């Protein structure tokens, strides 16, 4: 998604300058750590999904203006280990999200609409996660999607890890909606998604591996929600890194951390460890563990899940522009 890119990049530059003295802390372990996507073909990584069949592998894809491609990236090296070409689908229009279902299938959301409601339908593509990591062409199933309350822009698609039901979060500056798909997607007709909840500005989302929590992220923040019986429950703040074009999020396969991705050439994917639930409580995406420290790495800086940070950064940019204009006038 290209909107707000200049503003977000400027905000990140300002924050990086302000926090330049903070030392980076290396991640422990070989897999599921912060990494940089090295593949020059991946310039607009817009979705992220942790593989369950291949530990440490993350599936991603470009935004618009690319072909029917999905990439497998190794978090240990940042290198692409497979490019999957989907056949049997139309030309992708604006691919924004990817999620792995309990059926072992990858679901690719061609759900973006930069004109915010100009397309009367969007698409979801589905194909089995490959057993071998190598370049391959696979036949994908294409599903037509419509919203019960009319067309809209969206960038977040999440498959529930227990029920297999697909959810989409729409993107709107005044707040979007959480949409629930039918119990099973079907070909040969429209799959109608119905609004079941209200959400903030959303660029991606992910269910926890047990399906009991849903995390939704935006450019500057992230929030978690208790999720039960297909509906949103209590929400809470989630730690998230400030990235140049914050576009994607996924849980690690073991549920111990969140991985946040961004767009751009050699973009960073940043790990943020989850709090230990303790006792019978679940691990919750409400902050980093003591061992994580500033585990952002790259240009990611862990910040609290609130839009106040983004507002403060933008206010700082506005002040700099104002002072610069006054100086030129003087």
Foldseek 3Di string as FASTA:
>chain_A
DCPCLVVLLLLLVLVCVVCVVPDADADDDQAPAKFWQADQVFFAFFEWEADPLDARWIKTDHFAPDFQWIFIAHRNHNYTQEIEHEPPDDGQGTWHYWYAELVQKIKTWSAADPVFAPDQWTKIWIDHDDNDRYYYYDYIDIFIEGEPVGHGGFREWEQQHPQRWIWTWGADQVWTFIWTWPSDTDPPDYTYTYGAGIGHGFQYKYAQNVRQKIKTADQAFIKMFGADPRHTHDIAKAKWWHFSAWRYWYAHPVRQWMWTWGGGNRTMIHTAGFQPLPDPGHGDRQGHDPVCVQSGPDSTGIDIGDCVSVVVSSVVVVVVVVVVVVVVVD
